[in-house]
N, C-alpha and C. Protein backbone atom coordinates (compact mmCIF):
# COMPACT_ATOMS: atom_id res chain seq x y z
N GLY A 1 11.87 -20.00 -28.69
CA GLY A 1 11.99 -20.67 -27.84
C GLY A 1 12.32 -19.95 -26.74
N VAL A 2 13.62 -19.69 -26.77
CA VAL A 2 13.92 -18.51 -25.83
C VAL A 2 13.04 -17.43 -25.18
N LEU A 3 12.32 -16.66 -26.02
CA LEU A 3 11.62 -15.97 -26.01
C LEU A 3 10.58 -16.31 -25.34
N ILE A 4 9.71 -17.29 -25.90
CA ILE A 4 8.98 -17.98 -25.19
C ILE A 4 8.85 -18.60 -23.60
N GLU A 5 10.14 -18.89 -23.67
CA GLU A 5 10.42 -19.24 -22.22
C GLU A 5 10.14 -18.01 -21.50
N ARG A 6 11.12 -16.76 -21.59
CA ARG A 6 11.14 -15.75 -20.76
C ARG A 6 10.07 -15.19 -20.59
N ILE A 7 8.92 -15.13 -21.51
CA ILE A 7 7.79 -14.73 -21.29
C ILE A 7 6.86 -15.43 -20.26
N LEU A 8 6.90 -16.88 -20.51
CA LEU A 8 6.22 -17.71 -19.14
C LEU A 8 6.99 -17.70 -18.13
N LEU A 9 8.40 -17.41 -17.79
CA LEU A 9 8.81 -16.93 -16.72
C LEU A 9 8.25 -15.77 -15.98
N ARG A 10 7.91 -14.92 -16.93
CA ARG A 10 7.78 -13.85 -16.25
C ARG A 10 6.28 -13.51 -15.97
N ARG A 11 5.61 -14.46 -16.67
CA ARG A 11 3.79 -14.58 -16.54
C ARG A 11 4.16 -15.52 -14.82
N LEU A 12 4.95 -16.63 -14.83
CA LEU A 12 5.02 -17.12 -13.46
C LEU A 12 5.43 -15.81 -12.37
N TYR A 13 6.33 -15.32 -12.43
CA TYR A 13 6.91 -14.55 -11.65
C TYR A 13 5.56 -13.17 -11.37
N ASP A 14 4.88 -12.92 -12.17
CA ASP A 14 3.44 -12.02 -11.79
C ASP A 14 2.54 -13.05 -11.06
N LEU A 15 2.74 -14.04 -11.29
CA LEU A 15 1.52 -14.82 -10.53
C LEU A 15 1.88 -14.67 -9.21
N ASP A 16 3.27 -15.17 -9.13
CA ASP A 16 3.44 -15.08 -7.74
C ASP A 16 3.33 -14.37 -6.74
N HIS A 17 3.30 -12.90 -7.39
CA HIS A 17 3.41 -11.56 -6.72
C HIS A 17 1.54 -11.40 -6.69
N ILE A 18 1.07 -12.12 -7.55
CA ILE A 18 -0.43 -11.89 -7.22
C ILE A 18 -0.92 -12.89 -6.29
N TYR A 19 -0.26 -13.85 -6.12
CA TYR A 19 -1.02 -15.10 -5.15
C TYR A 19 -0.56 -14.78 -3.95
N GLY A 20 0.54 -14.22 -3.91
CA GLY A 20 1.17 -13.55 -2.52
C GLY A 20 0.11 -12.77 -1.89
N LEU A 21 -0.25 -11.64 -2.56
CA LEU A 21 -1.20 -10.53 -2.77
C LEU A 21 -2.38 -11.25 -2.31
N LEU A 22 -2.81 -12.11 -2.52
CA LEU A 22 -4.24 -12.61 -2.30
C LEU A 22 -4.31 -13.46 -0.86
N LEU A 23 -3.05 -13.91 -0.79
CA LEU A 23 -3.11 -14.87 0.47
C LEU A 23 -2.52 -14.13 1.50
N THR A 24 -2.18 -12.82 1.12
CA THR A 24 -1.68 -11.79 2.29
C THR A 24 -3.25 -11.52 2.96
N PHE A 25 -3.76 -11.01 1.67
CA PHE A 25 -5.36 -10.43 1.93
C PHE A 25 -6.21 -11.64 2.79
N GLY A 26 -6.02 -12.93 1.95
CA GLY A 26 -7.03 -14.30 2.88
C GLY A 26 -6.24 -13.89 4.59
N ILE A 27 -5.37 -14.05 4.72
CA ILE A 27 -4.70 -13.83 6.07
C ILE A 27 -5.17 -12.84 6.85
N THR A 28 -5.32 -11.90 6.19
CA THR A 28 -5.86 -10.80 6.86
C THR A 28 -7.17 -10.74 7.19
N LEU A 29 -8.28 -11.27 6.63
CA LEU A 29 -9.59 -11.72 6.72
C LEU A 29 -9.84 -12.64 7.88
N ILE A 30 -8.87 -13.52 8.10
CA ILE A 30 -9.15 -14.65 8.94
C ILE A 30 -8.76 -13.81 10.30
N LEU A 31 -7.54 -13.09 10.47
CA LEU A 31 -7.23 -12.23 12.00
C LEU A 31 -8.69 -11.23 12.00
N GLN A 32 -8.72 -10.99 11.11
CA GLN A 32 -9.98 -9.83 11.26
C GLN A 32 -11.03 -10.67 11.80
N GLY A 33 -11.33 -11.40 11.46
CA GLY A 33 -12.80 -12.36 11.87
C GLY A 33 -12.35 -12.91 13.61
N LEU A 34 -10.78 -13.25 13.71
CA LEU A 34 -10.71 -13.39 14.76
C LEU A 34 -10.66 -12.38 15.92
N PHE A 35 -10.53 -11.38 15.70
CA PHE A 35 -10.57 -10.32 16.68
C PHE A 35 -11.63 -9.60 16.77
N SER A 36 -12.85 -9.48 15.59
CA SER A 36 -13.66 -9.25 15.91
C SER A 36 -14.58 -10.35 16.91
N ASN A 37 -14.36 -11.59 16.63
CA ASN A 37 -14.45 -12.58 17.86
C ASN A 37 -14.64 -12.33 19.47
N TYR A 38 -13.34 -12.18 19.51
CA TYR A 38 -12.63 -11.73 20.55
C TYR A 38 -13.34 -10.22 21.50
N PHE A 39 -13.36 -9.34 20.37
CA PHE A 39 -13.24 -7.73 20.79
C PHE A 39 -14.45 -7.08 20.37
N ASN A 40 -15.26 -7.83 20.01
CA ASN A 40 -15.91 -7.15 19.23
C ASN A 40 -15.98 -6.07 18.30
N VAL A 41 -16.81 -5.75 17.28
CA VAL A 41 -16.88 -5.04 16.04
C VAL A 41 -17.01 -3.45 16.58
N SER A 42 -17.59 -3.09 17.41
CA SER A 42 -17.91 -1.85 17.83
C SER A 42 -16.43 -1.01 18.02
N GLY A 43 -16.51 0.06 17.39
CA GLY A 43 -15.31 1.24 17.73
C GLY A 43 -15.16 2.00 18.94
N THR A 44 -13.72 1.98 19.27
CA THR A 44 -13.38 2.56 20.47
C THR A 44 -12.64 3.90 20.39
N PRO A 45 -13.20 4.78 20.79
CA PRO A 45 -12.61 6.15 20.68
C PRO A 45 -10.88 6.33 21.33
N TYR A 46 -10.06 6.44 20.63
CA TYR A 46 -8.77 6.56 20.90
C TYR A 46 -8.29 7.84 21.11
N PRO A 47 -8.18 8.21 22.63
CA PRO A 47 -7.04 9.67 22.88
C PRO A 47 -6.12 10.27 22.67
N GLY A 48 -5.58 9.64 21.12
CA GLY A 48 -4.22 9.68 21.06
C GLY A 48 -3.52 11.11 20.33
N GLN A 49 -4.57 12.06 20.35
CA GLN A 49 -3.92 13.01 18.99
C GLN A 49 -3.43 13.95 20.54
N PRO A 50 -2.36 14.62 20.00
CA PRO A 50 -1.97 15.22 20.52
C PRO A 50 -2.19 17.14 21.04
N GLU A 51 -2.57 17.27 21.66
CA GLU A 51 -3.17 19.34 22.01
C GLU A 51 -2.54 20.22 21.05
N SER A 52 -1.16 19.90 20.37
CA SER A 52 -0.67 21.01 19.71
C SER A 52 -1.48 20.59 18.47
N LEU A 53 -2.09 19.85 18.08
CA LEU A 53 -2.66 19.31 16.72
C LEU A 53 -3.81 19.39 17.04
N SER A 54 -4.39 19.96 17.85
CA SER A 54 -5.99 20.22 17.67
C SER A 54 -6.73 21.18 16.76
N GLY A 55 -7.63 21.88 16.48
CA GLY A 55 -8.22 23.07 15.65
C GLY A 55 -7.62 22.22 14.39
N VAL A 56 -7.72 23.89 13.57
CA VAL A 56 -7.41 23.89 12.05
C VAL A 56 -6.72 24.96 11.55
N VAL A 57 -6.33 24.29 10.52
CA VAL A 57 -5.37 25.53 9.97
C VAL A 57 -5.68 26.14 8.42
N ASN A 58 -5.74 27.37 8.54
CA ASN A 58 -6.19 27.95 7.12
C ASN A 58 -5.12 28.28 5.95
N LEU A 59 -5.27 27.27 4.85
CA LEU A 59 -4.94 27.08 3.87
C LEU A 59 -5.17 28.12 2.80
N GLY A 60 -5.69 29.31 3.06
CA GLY A 60 -5.80 30.52 1.94
C GLY A 60 -7.31 30.11 1.41
N PHE A 61 -7.40 28.91 0.80
CA PHE A 61 -8.77 28.47 0.31
C PHE A 61 -10.10 27.74 1.08
N MET A 62 -9.41 27.09 2.18
CA MET A 62 -10.25 26.05 2.97
C MET A 62 -9.41 26.14 4.31
N TYR A 63 -10.49 25.67 5.39
CA TYR A 63 -9.88 24.97 6.73
C TYR A 63 -10.03 24.22 6.63
N PHE A 64 -8.65 23.39 7.16
CA PHE A 64 -8.54 22.00 7.19
C PHE A 64 -7.72 21.52 8.90
N PRO A 65 -8.34 20.67 9.36
CA PRO A 65 -8.08 19.77 10.54
C PRO A 65 -6.08 19.57 10.81
N THR A 66 -5.97 20.27 11.77
CA THR A 66 -4.45 20.18 11.71
C THR A 66 -3.58 19.05 12.10
N TYR A 67 -4.58 18.08 12.80
CA TYR A 67 -3.97 16.97 12.62
C TYR A 67 -4.24 15.76 11.06
N ARG A 68 -5.09 15.94 10.64
CA ARG A 68 -5.00 14.98 9.70
C ARG A 68 -3.99 15.75 8.44
N LEU A 69 -3.77 17.14 8.97
CA LEU A 69 -2.51 17.52 7.58
C LEU A 69 -1.36 17.25 8.37
N PHE A 70 -1.15 16.95 9.55
CA PHE A 70 0.10 16.60 9.97
C PHE A 70 -0.07 15.00 9.39
N ALA A 71 -0.92 14.18 9.53
CA ALA A 71 -0.90 13.17 9.15
C ALA A 71 -0.20 12.97 7.80
N ILE A 72 -0.98 13.83 6.91
CA ILE A 72 -0.75 13.77 5.54
C ILE A 72 0.75 13.58 4.87
N VAL A 73 1.40 14.98 5.62
CA VAL A 73 2.87 15.19 5.45
C VAL A 73 3.71 14.13 6.02
N LEU A 74 3.26 13.89 7.37
CA LEU A 74 3.78 12.45 7.94
C LEU A 74 3.93 11.01 6.92
N SER A 75 3.04 10.79 6.40
CA SER A 75 2.64 9.93 5.56
C SER A 75 3.54 9.91 4.30
N LEU A 76 3.44 11.78 3.30
CA LEU A 76 4.42 11.53 2.65
C LEU A 76 5.62 11.31 3.09
N VAL A 77 6.65 11.49 3.85
CA VAL A 77 7.73 11.84 4.41
C VAL A 77 8.11 9.90 4.28
N VAL A 78 6.95 9.62 5.27
CA VAL A 78 7.80 8.11 5.21
C VAL A 78 7.38 7.27 4.05
N CYS A 79 6.29 7.73 2.77
CA CYS A 79 6.50 6.60 1.80
C CYS A 79 8.10 7.10 0.86
N PHE A 80 8.12 8.36 0.74
CA PHE A 80 9.19 9.00 -0.02
C PHE A 80 10.29 8.64 0.45
N ALA A 81 10.78 8.66 1.76
CA ALA A 81 12.20 7.62 2.73
C ALA A 81 12.12 6.54 2.25
N THR A 82 11.02 5.61 2.32
CA THR A 82 11.21 3.97 2.10
C THR A 82 11.35 4.24 0.55
N TRP A 83 10.77 4.87 -0.39
CA TRP A 83 10.94 4.61 -2.03
C TRP A 83 12.62 4.99 -1.87
N PHE A 84 12.76 5.59 -1.47
CA PHE A 84 14.60 6.62 -1.34
C PHE A 84 15.50 5.19 -0.84
N PHE A 85 15.05 4.68 0.14
CA PHE A 85 16.25 3.77 0.58
C PHE A 85 15.90 2.41 0.05
N ILE A 86 14.74 1.97 -0.63
CA ILE A 86 14.89 0.79 -1.68
C ILE A 86 15.54 0.94 -2.90
N GLU A 87 15.11 2.26 -3.23
CA GLU A 87 15.84 2.44 -4.72
C GLU A 87 16.90 3.12 -4.72
N HIS A 88 17.68 3.58 -3.93
CA HIS A 88 18.85 3.95 -4.21
C HIS A 88 20.02 4.25 -2.56
N THR A 89 19.98 3.06 -2.33
CA THR A 89 20.87 2.56 -1.32
C THR A 89 21.40 0.89 -1.64
N LYS A 90 22.40 0.46 -0.97
CA LYS A 90 22.97 -0.50 -1.34
C LYS A 90 22.25 -1.97 -0.83
N LEU A 91 21.71 -1.75 0.60
CA LEU A 91 21.03 -2.41 1.54
C LEU A 91 19.89 -2.49 0.34
N GLY A 92 19.21 -1.62 0.28
CA GLY A 92 17.83 -1.58 -0.89
C GLY A 92 18.33 -2.34 -2.05
N SER A 93 19.79 -2.38 -3.03
CA SER A 93 19.45 -2.95 -4.33
C SER A 93 19.72 -4.58 -3.85
N ARG A 94 20.31 -4.74 -3.02
CA ARG A 94 20.62 -6.35 -2.39
C ARG A 94 19.26 -6.72 -2.08
N LEU A 95 18.26 -6.01 -1.37
CA LEU A 95 17.03 -6.29 -1.46
C LEU A 95 16.04 -6.99 -2.41
N ARG A 96 16.27 -5.84 -3.47
CA ARG A 96 15.49 -5.92 -4.85
C ARG A 96 16.25 -7.06 -5.32
N ALA A 97 17.60 -7.23 -5.32
CA ALA A 97 17.96 -8.43 -5.99
C ALA A 97 17.39 -9.57 -5.29
N GLY A 98 17.64 -9.65 -3.88
CA GLY A 98 17.08 -11.11 -3.45
C GLY A 98 15.34 -11.34 -4.07
N VAL A 99 14.53 -10.42 -3.99
CA VAL A 99 13.31 -10.22 -4.58
C VAL A 99 13.51 -11.02 -6.24
N GLU A 100 14.11 -10.45 -6.84
CA GLU A 100 14.34 -10.83 -8.46
C GLU A 100 14.59 -12.20 -8.58
N ASN A 101 15.77 -12.44 -7.97
CA ASN A 101 16.54 -13.77 -8.16
C ASN A 101 17.05 -14.34 -6.94
N PRO A 102 16.23 -14.76 -5.97
CA PRO A 102 16.79 -14.92 -4.75
C PRO A 102 18.17 -16.07 -4.43
N ASN A 103 17.83 -17.02 -5.34
CA ASN A 103 19.06 -18.15 -5.83
C ASN A 103 20.39 -17.43 -6.06
N LEU A 104 20.47 -16.52 -6.97
CA LEU A 104 21.65 -15.97 -7.62
C LEU A 104 22.12 -15.49 -6.30
N THR A 105 21.25 -14.31 -5.76
CA THR A 105 21.56 -13.45 -4.37
C THR A 105 22.37 -14.11 -3.71
N GLN A 106 21.78 -15.46 -3.28
CA GLN A 106 22.57 -16.41 -2.20
C GLN A 106 23.19 -16.37 -2.56
N ALA A 107 23.60 -17.25 -3.97
CA ALA A 107 24.81 -17.60 -4.02
C ALA A 107 26.19 -16.92 -3.74
N PHE A 108 25.71 -15.50 -4.02
CA PHE A 108 26.74 -14.68 -3.64
C PHE A 108 27.22 -14.08 -1.85
N GLY A 109 26.51 -14.93 -1.42
CA GLY A 109 26.78 -14.91 -0.06
C GLY A 109 26.08 -14.16 0.89
N LEU A 110 24.62 -13.57 0.45
CA LEU A 110 24.17 -12.86 1.06
C LEU A 110 22.38 -13.62 1.64
N ASN A 111 22.36 -13.43 2.54
CA ASN A 111 21.12 -14.03 3.60
C ASN A 111 19.79 -13.45 3.49
N VAL A 112 19.49 -14.07 2.07
CA VAL A 112 18.35 -14.02 1.31
C VAL A 112 16.94 -14.03 2.46
N PRO A 113 16.81 -15.07 3.23
CA PRO A 113 16.13 -15.41 3.77
C PRO A 113 16.01 -14.06 5.48
N LEU A 114 16.80 -13.73 5.51
CA LEU A 114 17.01 -12.92 6.62
C LEU A 114 16.26 -11.06 6.02
N MET A 115 16.64 -11.25 4.99
CA MET A 115 16.41 -9.90 4.66
C MET A 115 14.89 -9.66 4.46
N ILE A 116 14.18 -10.88 3.51
CA ILE A 116 13.10 -11.46 3.23
C ILE A 116 12.22 -11.11 4.88
N THR A 117 12.75 -11.38 5.70
CA THR A 117 12.31 -11.62 7.22
C THR A 117 12.39 -9.61 8.05
N LEU A 118 13.24 -9.38 7.61
CA LEU A 118 13.48 -7.86 8.18
C LEU A 118 12.61 -7.00 7.57
N THR A 119 12.58 -7.04 5.87
CA THR A 119 11.82 -6.67 5.22
C THR A 119 10.38 -6.72 5.85
N PHE A 120 9.92 -7.73 5.89
CA PHE A 120 8.34 -8.29 6.37
C PHE A 120 8.22 -7.25 8.01
N ALA A 121 9.10 -7.43 8.65
CA ALA A 121 8.98 -6.68 9.84
C ALA A 121 8.90 -5.49 9.65
N PHE A 122 9.65 -4.72 9.03
CA PHE A 122 9.39 -3.37 8.24
C PHE A 122 8.34 -2.87 7.91
N GLY A 123 7.44 -3.90 7.06
CA GLY A 123 6.70 -3.62 6.18
C GLY A 123 5.27 -3.67 7.50
N ALA A 124 5.54 -4.33 8.63
CA ALA A 124 4.44 -4.60 9.67
C ALA A 124 4.37 -3.36 10.56
N GLY A 125 5.94 -2.92 10.73
CA GLY A 125 6.00 -1.82 11.71
C GLY A 125 5.22 -0.53 10.85
N LEU A 126 5.61 -0.63 9.57
CA LEU A 126 4.93 0.80 8.61
C LEU A 126 3.49 0.56 8.73
N ALA A 127 2.61 -0.26 8.73
CA ALA A 127 1.29 -0.62 8.96
C ALA A 127 0.68 -0.33 10.25
N GLY A 128 1.77 -0.57 11.07
CA GLY A 128 1.19 -0.12 12.64
C GLY A 128 1.19 1.16 12.71
N LEU A 129 2.19 2.05 12.02
CA LEU A 129 2.37 3.50 12.24
C LEU A 129 1.19 4.22 11.71
N ALA A 130 0.73 3.45 10.30
CA ALA A 130 -0.37 3.86 10.02
C ALA A 130 -1.50 3.84 10.52
N GLY A 131 -1.75 2.96 11.08
CA GLY A 131 -3.12 2.12 12.11
C GLY A 131 -2.78 3.72 13.51
N VAL A 132 -1.94 4.04 14.10
CA VAL A 132 -1.47 4.64 14.91
C VAL A 132 -1.97 6.19 14.38
N LEU A 133 -1.76 6.72 13.22
CA LEU A 133 -1.91 7.54 12.99
C LEU A 133 -3.45 8.08 12.48
N ALA A 134 -4.27 6.88 11.88
CA ALA A 134 -5.39 6.95 11.66
C ALA A 134 -6.46 6.81 13.06
N ALA A 135 -5.97 6.14 14.02
CA ALA A 135 -6.88 5.97 15.01
C ALA A 135 -7.07 7.04 16.00
N PRO A 136 -6.34 8.02 16.02
CA PRO A 136 -7.55 9.68 16.29
C PRO A 136 -8.46 9.99 15.46
N ILE A 137 -8.60 9.20 13.90
CA ILE A 137 -9.63 10.24 13.05
C ILE A 137 -10.64 8.91 12.97
N TYR A 138 -10.35 7.74 12.65
CA TYR A 138 -11.62 6.81 12.79
C TYR A 138 -11.64 5.74 14.27
N SER A 139 -12.13 5.39 14.59
CA SER A 139 -12.39 4.53 15.83
C SER A 139 -12.03 3.44 16.01
N VAL A 140 -10.85 3.08 16.90
CA VAL A 140 -10.13 1.57 16.84
C VAL A 140 -10.96 0.35 17.15
N SER A 141 -11.13 -0.09 15.68
CA SER A 141 -11.84 -1.55 15.76
C SER A 141 -11.40 -2.83 14.99
N PRO A 142 -11.66 -3.96 14.69
CA PRO A 142 -11.09 -4.77 13.99
C PRO A 142 -11.40 -4.67 12.63
N LEU A 143 -12.05 -3.97 12.22
CA LEU A 143 -12.93 -3.53 11.06
C LEU A 143 -12.25 -2.38 10.70
N MET A 144 -11.15 -1.53 11.05
CA MET A 144 -11.06 -0.11 10.82
C MET A 144 -10.15 0.04 9.44
N GLY A 145 -9.61 -1.36 9.32
CA GLY A 145 -8.83 -1.36 7.61
C GLY A 145 -9.65 -2.03 6.53
N ALA A 146 -10.61 -2.33 6.78
CA ALA A 146 -11.47 -3.73 6.39
C ALA A 146 -11.75 -2.93 4.50
N ASP A 147 -11.97 -1.68 4.82
CA ASP A 147 -12.67 -0.58 3.80
C ASP A 147 -11.41 -0.32 3.00
N LEU A 148 -9.95 -0.52 3.06
CA LEU A 148 -8.42 0.25 2.73
C LEU A 148 -8.28 -0.93 1.83
N ILE A 149 -8.54 -1.87 2.50
CA ILE A 149 -7.45 -3.40 1.58
C ILE A 149 -8.02 -3.82 0.15
N ILE A 150 -9.28 -3.48 0.06
CA ILE A 150 -9.52 -3.92 -1.52
C ILE A 150 -8.77 -2.42 -2.36
N VAL A 151 -8.78 -1.57 -1.56
CA VAL A 151 -8.45 -0.05 -2.23
C VAL A 151 -6.95 0.17 -2.35
N VAL A 152 -6.08 -1.00 -1.34
CA VAL A 152 -4.94 -0.50 -1.60
C VAL A 152 -4.48 -2.03 -2.81
N PHE A 153 -5.03 -3.14 -2.51
CA PHE A 153 -4.82 -3.74 -3.93
C PHE A 153 -5.31 -3.46 -5.16
N ALA A 154 -6.27 -2.62 -5.06
CA ALA A 154 -6.53 -1.77 -6.47
C ALA A 154 -5.49 -0.62 -7.25
N VAL A 155 -4.82 -0.15 -5.69
CA VAL A 155 -3.65 0.91 -5.65
C VAL A 155 -2.58 0.51 -6.29
N VAL A 156 -2.16 -1.00 -5.92
CA VAL A 156 -0.91 -1.67 -5.89
C VAL A 156 -0.98 -2.23 -7.81
N VAL A 157 -2.22 -2.68 -8.28
CA VAL A 157 -2.39 -3.03 -9.37
C VAL A 157 -2.20 -2.00 -10.55
N ILE A 158 -2.94 -1.00 -10.39
CA ILE A 158 -2.67 0.32 -11.23
C ILE A 158 -1.46 0.65 -11.43
N GLY A 159 -0.83 0.94 -9.96
CA GLY A 159 0.61 1.37 -9.88
C GLY A 159 1.71 0.45 -10.59
N GLY A 160 1.67 -0.86 -10.61
CA GLY A 160 2.55 -1.78 -11.15
C GLY A 160 3.35 -2.41 -10.15
N MET A 161 3.00 -3.62 -10.16
CA MET A 161 3.72 -4.53 -9.14
C MET A 161 4.70 -4.45 -8.93
N GLY A 162 5.31 -4.49 -7.69
CA GLY A 162 6.61 -4.03 -7.44
C GLY A 162 7.21 -2.77 -7.45
N SER A 163 6.79 -1.69 -8.16
CA SER A 163 6.49 -0.41 -7.91
C SER A 163 6.72 0.71 -7.09
N ILE A 164 7.26 0.81 -6.11
CA ILE A 164 6.82 1.52 -4.80
C ILE A 164 6.36 2.91 -5.44
N MET A 165 7.45 3.75 -6.01
CA MET A 165 6.69 5.19 -6.46
C MET A 165 5.56 5.07 -7.10
N GLY A 166 5.21 3.62 -8.37
CA GLY A 166 4.13 3.48 -8.84
C GLY A 166 2.73 3.58 -7.70
N ALA A 167 3.16 2.79 -6.82
CA ALA A 167 2.05 2.56 -5.51
C ALA A 167 2.07 4.19 -4.87
N ILE A 168 2.64 4.64 -4.65
CA ILE A 168 2.67 6.05 -4.15
C ILE A 168 1.91 7.37 -4.67
N LEU A 169 2.17 7.37 -5.97
CA LEU A 169 2.00 7.96 -6.97
C LEU A 169 0.23 8.01 -7.68
N SER A 170 0.06 6.64 -7.65
CA SER A 170 -1.35 6.09 -7.73
C SER A 170 -2.22 6.34 -6.69
N GLY A 171 -1.60 5.93 -5.20
CA GLY A 171 -2.33 6.27 -4.50
C GLY A 171 -2.89 8.02 -4.02
N LEU A 172 -2.03 8.67 -4.19
CA LEU A 172 -2.18 9.77 -4.64
C LEU A 172 -3.21 10.48 -5.23
N ALA A 173 -3.00 9.51 -6.46
CA ALA A 173 -4.09 10.31 -8.18
C ALA A 173 -5.35 9.44 -8.03
N LEU A 174 -5.33 8.50 -6.95
CA LEU A 174 -6.85 8.17 -6.89
C LEU A 174 -7.48 8.47 -5.62
N GLY A 175 -6.82 9.05 -4.70
CA GLY A 175 -7.21 9.73 -3.68
C GLY A 175 -7.80 10.53 -3.74
N LEU A 176 -7.17 11.81 -5.01
CA LEU A 176 -7.81 12.87 -5.28
C LEU A 176 -8.93 12.83 -6.24
N ILE A 177 -9.21 11.77 -7.16
CA ILE A 177 -10.03 11.33 -7.88
C ILE A 177 -11.04 10.85 -7.21
N GLU A 178 -10.84 10.04 -5.98
CA GLU A 178 -12.15 9.70 -5.54
C GLU A 178 -12.94 10.62 -4.75
N GLY A 179 -11.80 11.97 -4.07
CA GLY A 179 -12.65 12.84 -3.30
C GLY A 179 -13.38 13.82 -4.21
N LEU A 180 -12.62 14.09 -5.89
CA LEU A 180 -13.86 14.92 -6.83
C LEU A 180 -14.99 13.79 -7.40
N THR A 181 -14.90 13.01 -7.26
CA THR A 181 -16.18 12.09 -7.60
C THR A 181 -17.29 12.38 -6.48
N LYS A 182 -16.47 12.14 -5.32
CA LYS A 182 -17.68 12.64 -4.33
C LYS A 182 -18.06 13.98 -4.42
N VAL A 183 -17.79 14.74 -5.08
CA VAL A 183 -18.00 16.12 -5.12
C VAL A 183 -18.97 16.22 -5.96
N PHE A 184 -18.49 15.55 -7.27
CA PHE A 184 -19.79 16.08 -8.19
C PHE A 184 -20.41 14.74 -8.63
N TYR A 185 -20.39 13.66 -7.84
CA TYR A 185 -21.21 12.64 -8.67
C TYR A 185 -20.87 11.37 -7.49
N PRO A 186 -21.39 11.54 -6.48
CA PRO A 186 -21.13 10.59 -5.20
C PRO A 186 -21.36 9.22 -5.23
N PRO A 187 -22.28 9.10 -6.17
CA PRO A 187 -23.20 7.71 -6.57
C PRO A 187 -21.91 6.69 -7.03
N ALA A 188 -20.56 7.51 -7.69
CA ALA A 188 -19.87 6.88 -8.47
C ALA A 188 -18.42 6.63 -7.48
N ALA A 189 -18.52 7.09 -6.12
CA ALA A 189 -17.47 7.49 -5.70
C ALA A 189 -16.74 6.35 -5.10
N SER A 190 -17.53 4.86 -4.84
CA SER A 190 -17.06 4.03 -4.45
C SER A 190 -16.62 2.73 -5.61
N THR A 191 -16.97 3.42 -7.05
CA THR A 191 -16.60 2.21 -7.81
C THR A 191 -15.55 2.85 -9.01
N VAL A 192 -15.22 4.12 -8.59
CA VAL A 192 -14.55 4.85 -9.85
C VAL A 192 -13.43 4.07 -9.65
N ILE A 193 -12.34 3.55 -8.42
CA ILE A 193 -11.05 3.02 -8.31
C ILE A 193 -11.20 2.15 -9.28
N PHE A 194 -12.34 1.27 -8.66
CA PHE A 194 -12.20 -0.41 -9.55
C PHE A 194 -12.07 -0.11 -11.08
N PHE A 195 -13.33 1.15 -11.62
CA PHE A 195 -13.35 0.83 -12.88
C PHE A 195 -12.26 1.41 -13.30
N LEU A 196 -11.15 2.72 -12.58
CA LEU A 196 -9.81 2.71 -13.49
C LEU A 196 -8.51 1.36 -13.48
N MET A 197 -8.87 0.59 -12.29
CA MET A 197 -8.10 -0.28 -12.33
C MET A 197 -8.59 -1.69 -13.44
N VAL A 198 -9.30 -1.03 -13.84
CA VAL A 198 -9.81 -2.49 -14.92
C VAL A 198 -9.15 -1.61 -16.24
N LEU A 199 -9.40 -0.40 -16.47
CA LEU A 199 -8.77 -0.05 -17.60
C LEU A 199 -7.49 -0.37 -17.94
N VAL A 200 -6.92 -0.20 -16.75
CA VAL A 200 -5.51 -0.62 -16.65
C VAL A 200 -4.98 -1.70 -17.18
N LEU A 201 -5.92 -2.21 -16.62
CA LEU A 201 -5.22 -4.15 -16.81
C LEU A 201 -5.65 -4.55 -18.25
N LEU A 202 -6.64 -3.77 -18.93
CA LEU A 202 -6.89 -3.60 -20.47
C LEU A 202 -5.84 -3.30 -21.03
N PHE A 203 -5.54 -2.07 -20.70
CA PHE A 203 -4.55 -1.56 -21.60
C PHE A 203 -3.04 -1.85 -21.35
N ARG A 204 -2.64 -1.70 -20.05
CA ARG A 204 -1.43 -2.21 -19.55
C ARG A 204 -1.37 -2.96 -18.33
N PRO A 205 -1.42 -4.58 -18.82
CA PRO A 205 -1.33 -5.23 -17.66
C PRO A 205 -0.33 -4.94 -16.56
N ALA A 206 0.80 -4.48 -16.96
CA ALA A 206 1.89 -4.63 -15.87
C ALA A 206 1.62 -3.63 -14.88
N GLY A 207 0.60 -2.62 -15.50
CA GLY A 207 0.74 -1.44 -14.36
C GLY A 207 1.01 -0.18 -15.01
N LEU A 208 0.81 0.98 -14.50
CA LEU A 208 1.11 2.53 -15.22
C LEU A 208 2.68 2.32 -14.80
N PHE A 209 2.94 2.09 -13.77
CA PHE A 209 4.51 2.13 -13.74
C PHE A 209 5.47 0.55 -13.48
N GLY A 210 5.09 -0.08 -14.15
CA GLY A 210 5.48 -1.21 -13.97
C GLY A 210 6.30 -1.65 -15.52
N LYS A 211 6.81 -2.86 -15.09
CA LYS A 211 7.87 -2.92 -16.39
C LYS A 211 7.36 -4.35 -17.09
N GLU A 212 7.30 -4.15 -18.30
CA GLU A 212 7.10 -5.38 -18.71
C GLU A 212 8.20 -5.80 -19.72
N LYS A 213 8.10 -7.54 -19.14
CA LYS A 213 9.22 -8.16 -19.43
C LYS A 213 8.93 -9.30 -20.33
C-alpha cells in the first residue's frame, strides 16, 4: 500500500511538471498572438552585433562566423554557471527543496513563494539574454522563438524533467544530431528530434538523466 501510494504521488508530481510546461507553452502562444496583432509578423533587422565580433574565425577545418562562436561560448558558460548555482550552492539546495516539498521547506522558515518568484524572474532574464544573442542572427519578430518552443519541450523531456544538466547535454547532443541529419538526409531534419523523444518516452519515461522514484 505504501509503495503504491509513493508511485501515485510521484506520477502526480510528474504530471504537475508536465502541466506546468504545457501551461507555459499556452501562455507563450497567447502572448505571441497579441504581439503579432500589434507589431506585425515581419522581421526587423537588429544592428546589435559589435564590430569586434564581425567576420569569421578559422577553426582549422572550417571558417565559422565570429559572432556565432561568441554566442555559443557565452551560452555554454551561462548554462553551466546556472547548473553549478542550482546544484552546488546553499541557495540552490534551498530552491530545490522548495520545489520538491514546498510545505516542509516553508515549515523551516524559508520563504518559498519569494524564492519561486525570483527563480521565475531569473529564468525570464535568461530568456531575454537568449533573445538578445539571437537577434543579430535572426530578424526580431514576435515569431522568432516559435520554431524553438517545441524543440525545447522535446529537449526537456529527453533530458529528464528537473535535470538541468540533462537539458544542457541533451540540447547539445540533439543540436549535433539535427545538424548531421541536415547534411546526410535533410527531409528528416525536422522530425528526428521528436522521433528520439518518442523512443526515450517508450524506454525511459523519466528521461535520460531523470530519476525514477
